[in-house]
Amino acid sequence: MRIFQIQIALRGFKPKIWRRILIPENLLLSDFHKIIQTTMGWTNSHLHHFIKDKTYYSPRMEDDDFWDDSCNVDYKKMRIADILKAEKEKVIYEYDFGDSWEHDILLEKILPYDSKLVYPLCLKGKMNCPPEDCGGIWGYANMLEILKNPKHKEYKELKEWLGVEFYPEFFDIDEVNKLLREKNFGCEGFY
């Protein structure tokens, strides 16, 4: 079995919000989705899909009026190696079709299995994940501007909506790796 070194990077925001992980090549796409959710810091509260070559890979939902067999594939039995086969290959992962959080998924390296490591493993990352439902990249950028100015007319309302202190540069790799050892790779939620 080979190990894929993957970089996950949220599109459209600077400074770059990213993670580097190690996963087995035979990992199911449904499990890869859970690992992305945990490593990035999302709450698995919205739909998602992977996009490659104008094909959308996602779980097929019952009564899905938008499903089109010509461009949608049910990824139920698919593995990461089915869509990423060579180093430097990319796929897009989109989460929350309303906010449209797009991530570049890059297969950086293909490595030999190391029995001393426990997979999946987060090796590195930078920046905190944006809060759910904040309005996509533009809403997130606006939120950060408001948080810099306690005199802004929306500051108090935004702080109440967040409910907790938000630190945009915070990333706790130890917490992520702890969660990855839990059931469903620490991923809760609905999808």
N, C-alpha and C. Protein backbone atom coordinates (compact mmCIF):
# COMPACT_ATOMS: atom_id res chain seq x y z
N MET A 1 0.85 -1.19 0.00
CA MET A 1 0.00 0.00 0.00
C MET A 1 0.89 1.24 0.00
N ARG A 2 0.48 2.21 -0.80
CA ARG A 2 1.20 3.46 -0.87
C ARG A 2 0.46 4.51 -0.05
N ILE A 3 1.19 5.57 0.30
CA ILE A 3 0.63 6.68 1.07
C ILE A 3 0.66 7.93 0.21
N PHE A 4 -0.45 8.65 0.22
CA PHE A 4 -0.54 9.90 -0.52
C PHE A 4 -0.30 11.07 0.43
N GLN A 5 0.65 11.92 0.07
CA GLN A 5 0.82 13.20 0.76
C GLN A 5 0.00 14.22 0.00
N ILE A 6 -1.01 14.75 0.67
CA ILE A 6 -1.99 15.63 0.06
C ILE A 6 -1.93 17.01 0.69
N GLN A 7 -2.00 18.03 -0.15
CA GLN A 7 -2.19 19.38 0.37
C GLN A 7 -3.64 19.79 0.08
N ILE A 8 -4.31 20.31 1.11
CA ILE A 8 -5.66 20.84 1.00
C ILE A 8 -5.55 22.34 1.21
N ALA A 9 -5.99 23.12 0.24
CA ALA A 9 -5.88 24.58 0.35
C ALA A 9 -7.21 25.22 -0.03
N LEU A 10 -7.71 26.07 0.85
CA LEU A 10 -8.93 26.81 0.58
C LEU A 10 -8.65 27.84 -0.50
N ARG A 11 -9.45 27.84 -1.54
CA ARG A 11 -9.25 28.76 -2.67
C ARG A 11 -9.69 30.18 -2.34
N GLY A 12 -8.95 31.14 -2.88
CA GLY A 12 -9.40 32.52 -2.91
C GLY A 12 -9.13 33.37 -1.70
N PHE A 13 -8.31 32.88 -0.75
CA PHE A 13 -8.06 33.70 0.43
C PHE A 13 -6.57 33.78 0.71
N LYS A 14 -6.13 34.98 1.09
CA LYS A 14 -4.74 35.19 1.51
C LYS A 14 -4.78 35.85 2.87
N PRO A 15 -3.96 35.43 3.81
CA PRO A 15 -2.97 34.36 3.69
C PRO A 15 -3.64 32.99 3.50
N LYS A 16 -2.88 32.12 2.87
CA LYS A 16 -3.38 30.80 2.49
C LYS A 16 -3.80 29.99 3.72
N ILE A 17 -4.98 29.38 3.63
CA ILE A 17 -5.49 28.47 4.67
C ILE A 17 -5.32 27.07 4.11
N TRP A 18 -4.44 26.28 4.73
CA TRP A 18 -4.09 24.99 4.14
C TRP A 18 -3.71 23.95 5.18
N ARG A 19 -3.71 22.68 4.73
CA ARG A 19 -3.27 21.54 5.54
C ARG A 19 -2.50 20.58 4.65
N ARG A 20 -1.55 19.87 5.25
CA ARG A 20 -0.82 18.79 4.57
C ARG A 20 -1.08 17.52 5.36
N ILE A 21 -1.57 16.49 4.68
CA ILE A 21 -1.93 15.25 5.35
C ILE A 21 -1.34 14.04 4.64
N LEU A 22 -1.27 12.95 5.37
CA LEU A 22 -0.90 11.65 4.81
C LEU A 22 -2.10 10.72 4.93
N ILE A 23 -2.46 10.08 3.81
CA ILE A 23 -3.58 9.14 3.81
C ILE A 23 -3.21 7.92 2.96
N PRO A 24 -3.80 6.77 3.26
CA PRO A 24 -3.57 5.60 2.40
C PRO A 24 -4.25 5.77 1.05
N GLU A 25 -3.64 5.25 0.00
CA GLU A 25 -4.20 5.38 -1.34
C GLU A 25 -5.55 4.69 -1.50
N ASN A 26 -5.84 3.72 -0.64
CA ASN A 26 -7.09 2.96 -0.76
C ASN A 26 -8.23 3.54 0.09
N LEU A 27 -8.04 4.74 0.60
CA LEU A 27 -9.05 5.41 1.43
C LEU A 27 -10.29 5.72 0.60
N LEU A 28 -11.47 5.40 1.13
CA LEU A 28 -12.72 5.73 0.45
C LEU A 28 -12.89 7.24 0.36
N LEU A 29 -13.47 7.72 -0.74
CA LEU A 29 -13.72 9.16 -0.89
C LEU A 29 -14.64 9.68 0.22
N SER A 30 -15.58 8.86 0.66
CA SER A 30 -16.46 9.28 1.76
C SER A 30 -15.67 9.50 3.04
N ASP A 31 -14.63 8.70 3.27
CA ASP A 31 -13.77 8.91 4.44
C ASP A 31 -12.82 10.09 4.23
N PHE A 32 -12.36 10.27 3.00
CA PHE A 32 -11.52 11.43 2.70
C PHE A 32 -12.29 12.72 2.98
N HIS A 33 -13.56 12.75 2.62
CA HIS A 33 -14.42 13.91 2.93
C HIS A 33 -14.40 14.18 4.44
N LYS A 34 -14.54 13.15 5.25
CA LYS A 34 -14.56 13.32 6.71
C LYS A 34 -13.21 13.86 7.20
N ILE A 35 -12.14 13.36 6.63
CA ILE A 35 -10.80 13.81 7.02
C ILE A 35 -10.60 15.28 6.65
N ILE A 36 -11.08 15.68 5.48
CA ILE A 36 -11.01 17.10 5.09
C ILE A 36 -11.79 17.94 6.09
N GLN A 37 -12.99 17.50 6.42
CA GLN A 37 -13.82 18.25 7.37
C GLN A 37 -13.07 18.46 8.69
N THR A 38 -12.48 17.41 9.22
CA THR A 38 -11.77 17.48 10.50
C THR A 38 -10.50 18.31 10.40
N THR A 39 -9.69 18.08 9.39
CA THR A 39 -8.41 18.80 9.31
C THR A 39 -8.61 20.28 9.03
N MET A 40 -9.61 20.61 8.23
CA MET A 40 -9.85 22.02 7.93
C MET A 40 -10.58 22.72 9.08
N GLY A 41 -11.44 21.99 9.78
CA GLY A 41 -12.17 22.60 10.88
C GLY A 41 -13.64 22.86 10.58
N TRP A 42 -14.15 22.27 9.50
CA TRP A 42 -15.56 22.41 9.16
C TRP A 42 -16.41 21.52 10.08
N THR A 43 -17.72 21.68 10.01
CA THR A 43 -18.62 20.92 10.91
C THR A 43 -19.48 19.89 10.19
N ASN A 44 -19.23 19.64 8.91
CA ASN A 44 -19.97 18.65 8.14
C ASN A 44 -21.47 18.91 8.18
N SER A 45 -21.85 20.15 8.01
CA SER A 45 -23.25 20.57 8.09
C SER A 45 -23.87 20.83 6.72
N HIS A 46 -23.10 20.65 5.65
CA HIS A 46 -23.57 20.99 4.31
C HIS A 46 -23.15 19.92 3.31
N LEU A 47 -23.74 19.97 2.14
CA LEU A 47 -23.39 19.05 1.06
C LEU A 47 -21.99 19.34 0.54
N HIS A 48 -21.45 18.39 -0.20
CA HIS A 48 -20.11 18.52 -0.76
C HIS A 48 -20.00 17.68 -2.03
N HIS A 49 -18.94 17.92 -2.78
CA HIS A 49 -18.56 17.02 -3.87
C HIS A 49 -17.10 17.28 -4.24
N PHE A 50 -16.55 16.30 -4.95
CA PHE A 50 -15.22 16.42 -5.54
C PHE A 50 -15.45 16.66 -7.03
N ILE A 51 -14.60 17.48 -7.65
CA ILE A 51 -14.75 17.79 -9.07
C ILE A 51 -13.43 17.50 -9.78
N LYS A 52 -13.53 16.71 -10.84
CA LYS A 52 -12.36 16.46 -11.68
C LYS A 52 -12.82 16.24 -13.10
N ASP A 53 -12.21 16.95 -14.02
CA ASP A 53 -12.53 16.81 -15.45
C ASP A 53 -14.04 16.95 -15.71
N LYS A 54 -14.65 17.95 -15.10
CA LYS A 54 -16.07 18.27 -15.27
C LYS A 54 -17.01 17.15 -14.80
N THR A 55 -16.48 16.28 -13.94
CA THR A 55 -17.29 15.23 -13.33
C THR A 55 -17.38 15.52 -11.84
N TYR A 56 -18.58 15.32 -11.28
CA TYR A 56 -18.85 15.61 -9.87
C TYR A 56 -19.01 14.28 -9.13
N TYR A 57 -18.18 14.07 -8.12
CA TYR A 57 -18.20 12.85 -7.32
C TYR A 57 -18.77 13.19 -5.95
N SER A 58 -19.89 12.56 -5.61
CA SER A 58 -20.55 12.86 -4.34
C SER A 58 -21.43 11.69 -3.93
N PRO A 59 -21.91 11.73 -2.68
CA PRO A 59 -22.88 10.70 -2.30
C PRO A 59 -24.21 11.01 -2.98
N ARG A 60 -24.85 9.99 -3.52
CA ARG A 60 -26.15 10.21 -4.15
C ARG A 60 -27.22 10.25 -3.09
N MET A 61 -27.98 11.33 -3.09
CA MET A 61 -29.06 11.51 -2.12
C MET A 61 -30.37 11.03 -2.75
N GLU A 62 -31.24 10.48 -1.92
CA GLU A 62 -32.56 10.09 -2.40
C GLU A 62 -33.31 11.34 -2.85
N ASP A 63 -34.12 11.19 -3.89
CA ASP A 63 -34.95 12.28 -4.41
C ASP A 63 -34.12 13.52 -4.77
N ASP A 64 -32.93 13.31 -5.34
CA ASP A 64 -32.09 14.42 -5.76
C ASP A 64 -32.51 14.85 -7.17
N ASP A 65 -33.23 15.96 -7.25
CA ASP A 65 -33.73 16.45 -8.54
C ASP A 65 -32.63 17.02 -9.42
N PHE A 66 -31.46 17.29 -8.86
CA PHE A 66 -30.39 17.91 -9.63
C PHE A 66 -29.36 16.90 -10.14
N TRP A 67 -29.50 15.65 -9.77
CA TRP A 67 -28.54 14.61 -10.17
C TRP A 67 -28.63 14.40 -11.67
N ASP A 68 -27.50 14.39 -12.33
CA ASP A 68 -27.42 14.17 -13.77
C ASP A 68 -26.39 13.08 -14.01
N ASP A 69 -26.84 11.92 -14.48
CA ASP A 69 -25.93 10.79 -14.68
C ASP A 69 -24.83 11.06 -15.70
N SER A 70 -24.98 12.10 -16.50
CA SER A 70 -23.95 12.40 -17.49
C SER A 70 -22.74 13.10 -16.87
N CYS A 71 -22.90 13.69 -15.68
CA CYS A 71 -21.76 14.39 -15.07
C CYS A 71 -21.61 14.10 -13.57
N ASN A 72 -22.54 13.37 -12.96
CA ASN A 72 -22.46 13.04 -11.54
C ASN A 72 -22.14 11.55 -11.36
N VAL A 73 -21.28 11.27 -10.39
CA VAL A 73 -20.91 9.90 -10.06
C VAL A 73 -21.10 9.70 -8.57
N ASP A 74 -21.80 8.65 -8.21
CA ASP A 74 -21.95 8.30 -6.79
C ASP A 74 -20.62 7.71 -6.32
N TYR A 75 -19.99 8.35 -5.36
CA TYR A 75 -18.65 7.92 -4.95
C TYR A 75 -18.66 6.85 -3.84
N LYS A 76 -19.79 6.27 -3.58
CA LYS A 76 -19.96 5.34 -2.46
C LYS A 76 -18.84 4.31 -2.32
N LYS A 77 -18.41 3.71 -3.41
CA LYS A 77 -17.38 2.66 -3.35
C LYS A 77 -16.05 3.11 -3.93
N MET A 78 -15.92 4.41 -4.21
CA MET A 78 -14.69 4.91 -4.83
C MET A 78 -13.63 5.24 -3.78
N ARG A 79 -12.40 5.11 -4.20
CA ARG A 79 -11.24 5.39 -3.37
C ARG A 79 -10.49 6.60 -3.91
N ILE A 80 -9.69 7.22 -3.07
CA ILE A 80 -8.94 8.41 -3.48
C ILE A 80 -8.06 8.10 -4.71
N ALA A 81 -7.50 6.90 -4.77
CA ALA A 81 -6.65 6.53 -5.91
C ALA A 81 -7.44 6.38 -7.21
N ASP A 82 -8.76 6.37 -7.15
CA ASP A 82 -9.57 6.33 -8.37
C ASP A 82 -9.61 7.67 -9.07
N ILE A 83 -9.38 8.76 -8.33
CA ILE A 83 -9.42 10.08 -8.97
C ILE A 83 -8.07 10.81 -8.94
N LEU A 84 -7.17 10.39 -8.07
CA LEU A 84 -5.81 10.93 -8.05
C LEU A 84 -4.85 9.77 -8.25
N LYS A 85 -4.09 9.81 -9.34
CA LYS A 85 -3.25 8.67 -9.68
C LYS A 85 -1.76 8.99 -9.72
N ALA A 86 -1.42 10.26 -9.94
CA ALA A 86 -0.02 10.63 -10.12
C ALA A 86 0.30 11.91 -9.33
N GLU A 87 1.55 12.03 -8.94
CA GLU A 87 2.00 13.22 -8.23
C GLU A 87 1.69 14.47 -9.07
N LYS A 88 1.33 15.54 -8.36
CA LYS A 88 0.99 16.87 -8.92
C LYS A 88 -0.41 16.91 -9.53
N GLU A 89 -1.14 15.80 -9.49
CA GLU A 89 -2.52 15.80 -9.95
C GLU A 89 -3.39 16.52 -8.94
N LYS A 90 -4.46 17.18 -9.45
CA LYS A 90 -5.35 17.96 -8.57
C LYS A 90 -6.79 17.55 -8.77
N VAL A 91 -7.56 17.82 -7.73
CA VAL A 91 -9.00 17.70 -7.77
C VAL A 91 -9.54 18.85 -6.92
N ILE A 92 -10.76 19.26 -7.18
CA ILE A 92 -11.39 20.31 -6.36
C ILE A 92 -12.37 19.65 -5.41
N TYR A 93 -12.40 20.13 -4.18
CA TYR A 93 -13.38 19.70 -3.19
C TYR A 93 -14.20 20.94 -2.85
N GLU A 94 -15.51 20.87 -3.09
CA GLU A 94 -16.38 21.99 -2.75
C GLU A 94 -17.28 21.57 -1.60
N TYR A 95 -17.36 22.45 -0.62
CA TYR A 95 -18.17 22.22 0.57
C TYR A 95 -19.12 23.40 0.75
N ASP A 96 -20.37 23.11 1.06
CA ASP A 96 -21.41 24.12 1.29
C ASP A 96 -21.67 24.90 0.00
N PHE A 97 -22.61 24.41 -0.78
CA PHE A 97 -22.88 25.00 -2.09
C PHE A 97 -23.41 26.42 -2.01
N GLY A 98 -23.90 26.84 -0.85
CA GLY A 98 -24.33 28.23 -0.66
C GLY A 98 -23.14 29.16 -0.51
N ASP A 99 -22.24 28.82 0.43
CA ASP A 99 -21.03 29.62 0.63
C ASP A 99 -19.94 29.27 -0.38
N SER A 100 -20.03 28.09 -0.96
CA SER A 100 -19.10 27.63 -2.00
C SER A 100 -17.64 27.68 -1.57
N TRP A 101 -17.34 26.92 -0.53
CA TRP A 101 -15.95 26.82 -0.08
C TRP A 101 -15.24 25.82 -0.99
N GLU A 102 -14.43 26.32 -1.90
CA GLU A 102 -13.68 25.44 -2.81
C GLU A 102 -12.27 25.25 -2.29
N HIS A 103 -11.82 23.99 -2.36
CA HIS A 103 -10.49 23.62 -1.89
C HIS A 103 -9.73 22.96 -3.04
N ASP A 104 -8.47 23.34 -3.21
CA ASP A 104 -7.60 22.63 -4.13
C ASP A 104 -6.99 21.45 -3.38
N ILE A 105 -7.17 20.27 -3.94
CA ILE A 105 -6.61 19.05 -3.37
C ILE A 105 -5.47 18.62 -4.30
N LEU A 106 -4.25 18.68 -3.81
CA LEU A 106 -3.08 18.38 -4.61
C LEU A 106 -2.37 17.14 -4.07
N LEU A 107 -2.17 16.17 -4.95
CA LEU A 107 -1.36 15.00 -4.58
C LEU A 107 0.10 15.40 -4.73
N GLU A 108 0.72 15.77 -3.60
CA GLU A 108 2.10 16.28 -3.64
C GLU A 108 3.11 15.16 -3.88
N LYS A 109 2.95 14.06 -3.13
CA LYS A 109 3.91 12.95 -3.22
C LYS A 109 3.21 11.63 -3.01
N ILE A 110 3.78 10.59 -3.60
CA ILE A 110 3.36 9.22 -3.32
C ILE A 110 4.53 8.58 -2.57
N LEU A 111 4.23 8.13 -1.34
CA LEU A 111 5.27 7.64 -0.44
C LEU A 111 5.04 6.17 -0.10
N PRO A 112 6.10 5.49 0.33
CA PRO A 112 5.90 4.12 0.81
C PRO A 112 5.22 4.13 2.18
N TYR A 113 4.51 3.08 2.48
CA TYR A 113 3.87 2.92 3.79
C TYR A 113 4.94 2.87 4.87
N ASP A 114 4.72 3.56 5.98
CA ASP A 114 5.63 3.57 7.11
C ASP A 114 4.89 3.00 8.32
N SER A 115 5.28 1.82 8.76
CA SER A 115 4.57 1.14 9.85
C SER A 115 4.70 1.88 11.18
N LYS A 116 5.60 2.85 11.28
CA LYS A 116 5.76 3.61 12.52
C LYS A 116 4.73 4.74 12.64
N LEU A 117 4.05 5.05 11.56
CA LEU A 117 3.07 6.14 11.56
C LEU A 117 1.65 5.59 11.61
N VAL A 118 0.75 6.39 12.14
CA VAL A 118 -0.67 6.06 12.15
C VAL A 118 -1.35 7.00 11.17
N TYR A 119 -2.08 6.41 10.24
CA TYR A 119 -2.76 7.18 9.20
C TYR A 119 -4.26 7.22 9.47
N PRO A 120 -4.92 8.33 9.11
CA PRO A 120 -4.40 9.55 8.51
C PRO A 120 -3.61 10.37 9.51
N LEU A 121 -2.77 11.24 8.98
CA LEU A 121 -1.91 12.06 9.82
C LEU A 121 -1.82 13.46 9.20
N CYS A 122 -2.04 14.47 10.01
CA CYS A 122 -1.85 15.84 9.57
C CYS A 122 -0.41 16.23 9.90
N LEU A 123 0.34 16.64 8.89
CA LEU A 123 1.75 16.99 9.07
C LEU A 123 1.95 18.47 9.37
N LYS A 124 1.10 19.30 8.76
CA LYS A 124 1.29 20.74 8.90
C LYS A 124 0.04 21.45 8.42
N GLY A 125 -0.07 22.70 8.81
CA GLY A 125 -1.18 23.52 8.34
C GLY A 125 -0.99 24.95 8.81
N LYS A 126 -1.73 25.83 8.20
CA LYS A 126 -1.68 27.25 8.56
C LYS A 126 -3.08 27.83 8.53
N MET A 127 -3.35 28.69 9.48
CA MET A 127 -4.56 29.51 9.56
C MET A 127 -5.78 28.69 10.00
N ASN A 128 -6.68 29.38 10.65
CA ASN A 128 -7.94 28.81 11.11
C ASN A 128 -8.91 28.74 9.94
N CYS A 129 -9.77 27.77 9.99
CA CYS A 129 -10.85 27.63 9.02
C CYS A 129 -11.90 28.72 9.28
N PRO A 130 -12.49 29.31 8.25
CA PRO A 130 -13.56 30.29 8.48
C PRO A 130 -14.74 29.64 9.20
N PRO A 131 -15.51 30.42 9.94
CA PRO A 131 -16.71 29.87 10.58
C PRO A 131 -17.75 29.45 9.53
N GLU A 132 -18.51 28.43 9.85
CA GLU A 132 -19.60 28.00 8.97
C GLU A 132 -20.57 29.15 8.73
N ASP A 133 -21.15 29.17 7.55
CA ASP A 133 -22.25 30.08 7.21
C ASP A 133 -21.92 31.56 7.33
N CYS A 134 -20.63 31.91 7.10
CA CYS A 134 -20.27 33.32 7.20
C CYS A 134 -20.32 34.03 5.84
N GLY A 135 -20.75 33.34 4.80
CA GLY A 135 -20.93 34.01 3.52
C GLY A 135 -19.84 33.77 2.50
N GLY A 136 -19.13 32.68 2.62
CA GLY A 136 -18.07 32.37 1.66
C GLY A 136 -16.84 33.25 1.87
N ILE A 137 -15.95 33.22 0.90
CA ILE A 137 -14.69 33.96 0.99
C ILE A 137 -14.93 35.45 1.23
N TRP A 138 -15.89 36.03 0.50
CA TRP A 138 -16.13 37.48 0.62
C TRP A 138 -16.73 37.80 1.99
N GLY A 139 -17.65 36.97 2.45
CA GLY A 139 -18.24 37.18 3.77
C GLY A 139 -17.21 37.04 4.87
N TYR A 140 -16.29 36.08 4.69
CA TYR A 140 -15.23 35.86 5.67
C TYR A 140 -14.30 37.08 5.72
N ALA A 141 -13.90 37.56 4.56
CA ALA A 141 -13.02 38.74 4.51
C ALA A 141 -13.71 39.94 5.17
N ASN A 142 -14.99 40.12 4.92
CA ASN A 142 -15.76 41.20 5.53
C ASN A 142 -15.83 41.01 7.05
N MET A 143 -16.05 39.78 7.49
CA MET A 143 -16.11 39.47 8.92
C MET A 143 -14.80 39.87 9.62
N LEU A 144 -13.67 39.52 9.00
CA LEU A 144 -12.38 39.84 9.60
C LEU A 144 -12.16 41.35 9.70
N GLU A 145 -12.62 42.09 8.70
CA GLU A 145 -12.51 43.55 8.73
C GLU A 145 -13.34 44.13 9.88
N ILE A 146 -14.54 43.62 10.05
CA ILE A 146 -15.42 44.10 11.13
C ILE A 146 -14.80 43.80 12.49
N LEU A 147 -14.23 42.59 12.64
CA LEU A 147 -13.63 42.20 13.93
C LEU A 147 -12.43 43.06 14.32
N LYS A 148 -11.80 43.71 13.34
CA LYS A 148 -10.67 44.60 13.62
C LYS A 148 -11.12 45.95 14.19
N ASN A 149 -12.43 46.25 14.07
CA ASN A 149 -12.92 47.57 14.43
C ASN A 149 -14.09 47.46 15.42
N PRO A 150 -13.81 47.49 16.73
CA PRO A 150 -14.89 47.40 17.73
C PRO A 150 -15.94 48.51 17.61
N LYS A 151 -15.63 49.58 16.89
CA LYS A 151 -16.60 50.67 16.71
C LYS A 151 -17.50 50.46 15.50
N HIS A 152 -17.25 49.41 14.73
CA HIS A 152 -18.08 49.12 13.56
C HIS A 152 -19.50 48.82 13.99
N LYS A 153 -20.48 49.29 13.23
CA LYS A 153 -21.89 49.13 13.62
C LYS A 153 -22.32 47.66 13.71
N GLU A 154 -21.62 46.74 13.02
CA GLU A 154 -21.98 45.32 13.05
C GLU A 154 -21.11 44.51 14.02
N TYR A 155 -20.16 45.15 14.68
CA TYR A 155 -19.20 44.44 15.53
C TYR A 155 -19.89 43.62 16.62
N LYS A 156 -20.75 44.26 17.41
CA LYS A 156 -21.40 43.58 18.53
C LYS A 156 -22.26 42.41 18.05
N GLU A 157 -23.01 42.63 17.00
CA GLU A 157 -23.87 41.57 16.44
C GLU A 157 -23.03 40.39 15.95
N LEU A 158 -21.91 40.70 15.29
CA LEU A 158 -21.02 39.65 14.78
C LEU A 158 -20.41 38.85 15.93
N LYS A 159 -19.96 39.54 16.97
CA LYS A 159 -19.38 38.85 18.13
C LYS A 159 -20.41 37.92 18.78
N GLU A 160 -21.66 38.38 18.87
CA GLU A 160 -22.73 37.53 19.42
C GLU A 160 -22.99 36.33 18.53
N TRP A 161 -22.99 36.55 17.22
CA TRP A 161 -23.22 35.46 16.27
C TRP A 161 -22.11 34.41 16.38
N LEU A 162 -20.86 34.86 16.50
CA LEU A 162 -19.75 33.92 16.63
C LEU A 162 -19.85 33.12 17.92
N GLY A 163 -20.27 33.75 18.99
CA GLY A 163 -20.44 33.06 20.26
C GLY A 163 -19.16 32.80 21.03
N VAL A 164 -18.04 32.75 20.36
CA VAL A 164 -16.73 32.53 20.99
C VAL A 164 -15.72 33.45 20.33
N GLU A 165 -14.58 33.59 20.97
CA GLU A 165 -13.51 34.36 20.34
C GLU A 165 -13.05 33.63 19.09
N PHE A 166 -12.77 34.36 18.04
CA PHE A 166 -12.29 33.76 16.80
C PHE A 166 -10.90 34.31 16.51
N TYR A 167 -9.96 33.39 16.31
CA TYR A 167 -8.57 33.75 16.04
C TYR A 167 -8.21 33.24 14.64
N PRO A 168 -8.14 34.11 13.65
CA PRO A 168 -7.92 33.67 12.27
C PRO A 168 -6.61 32.94 12.02
N GLU A 169 -5.61 33.17 12.84
CA GLU A 169 -4.31 32.53 12.61
C GLU A 169 -4.14 31.23 13.41
N PHE A 170 -5.13 30.86 14.21
CA PHE A 170 -5.02 29.70 15.08
C PHE A 170 -5.18 28.40 14.30
N PHE A 171 -4.26 27.46 14.54
CA PHE A 171 -4.38 26.10 14.02
C PHE A 171 -3.70 25.17 15.01
N ASP A 172 -4.43 24.20 15.52
CA ASP A 172 -3.92 23.27 16.52
C ASP A 172 -3.74 21.88 15.90
N ILE A 173 -2.55 21.60 15.42
CA ILE A 173 -2.27 20.33 14.74
C ILE A 173 -2.42 19.14 15.69
N ASP A 174 -2.09 19.33 16.96
CA ASP A 174 -2.23 18.23 17.92
C ASP A 174 -3.70 17.85 18.11
N GLU A 175 -4.57 18.85 18.19
CA GLU A 175 -6.01 18.59 18.32
C GLU A 175 -6.55 17.90 17.08
N VAL A 176 -6.11 18.34 15.91
CA VAL A 176 -6.55 17.72 14.65
C VAL A 176 -6.14 16.25 14.64
N ASN A 177 -4.88 15.95 14.97
CA ASN A 177 -4.43 14.56 14.93
C ASN A 177 -5.13 13.71 15.99
N LYS A 178 -5.46 14.29 17.11
CA LYS A 178 -6.24 13.58 18.13
C LYS A 178 -7.62 13.22 17.57
N LEU A 179 -8.27 14.18 16.93
CA LEU A 179 -9.60 13.95 16.35
C LEU A 179 -9.55 12.89 15.24
N LEU A 180 -8.48 12.89 14.46
CA LEU A 180 -8.37 11.91 13.37
C LEU A 180 -8.31 10.47 13.87
N ARG A 181 -7.99 10.26 15.13
CA ARG A 181 -7.94 8.91 15.72
C ARG A 181 -9.31 8.44 16.21
N GLU A 182 -10.28 9.35 16.23
CA GLU A 182 -11.61 9.02 16.74
C GLU A 182 -12.48 8.39 15.65
N LYS A 183 -13.64 7.89 16.08
CA LYS A 183 -14.61 7.33 15.15
C LYS A 183 -14.95 8.36 14.09
N ASN A 184 -15.07 7.93 12.84
CA ASN A 184 -15.35 8.81 11.70
C ASN A 184 -14.32 9.93 11.57
N PHE A 185 -13.12 9.66 12.04
CA PHE A 185 -12.01 10.62 11.94
C PHE A 185 -12.35 11.94 12.63
N GLY A 186 -13.16 11.86 13.68
CA GLY A 186 -13.54 13.05 14.43
C GLY A 186 -14.60 13.90 13.75
N CYS A 187 -15.15 13.40 12.67
CA CYS A 187 -16.13 14.17 11.89
C CYS A 187 -17.53 13.87 12.39
N GLU A 188 -18.18 14.91 12.81
CA GLU A 188 -19.60 14.82 13.22
C GLU A 188 -20.43 15.35 12.07
N GLY A 189 -21.68 15.60 12.30
CA GLY A 189 -22.51 16.26 11.32
C GLY A 189 -23.40 15.31 10.55
N PHE A 190 -23.87 15.79 9.41
CA PHE A 190 -24.96 15.12 8.70
C PHE A 190 -24.55 14.44 7.41
N TYR A 191 -23.49 14.84 6.77
CA TYR A 191 -23.18 14.35 5.43
C TYR A 191 -21.93 13.55 5.45
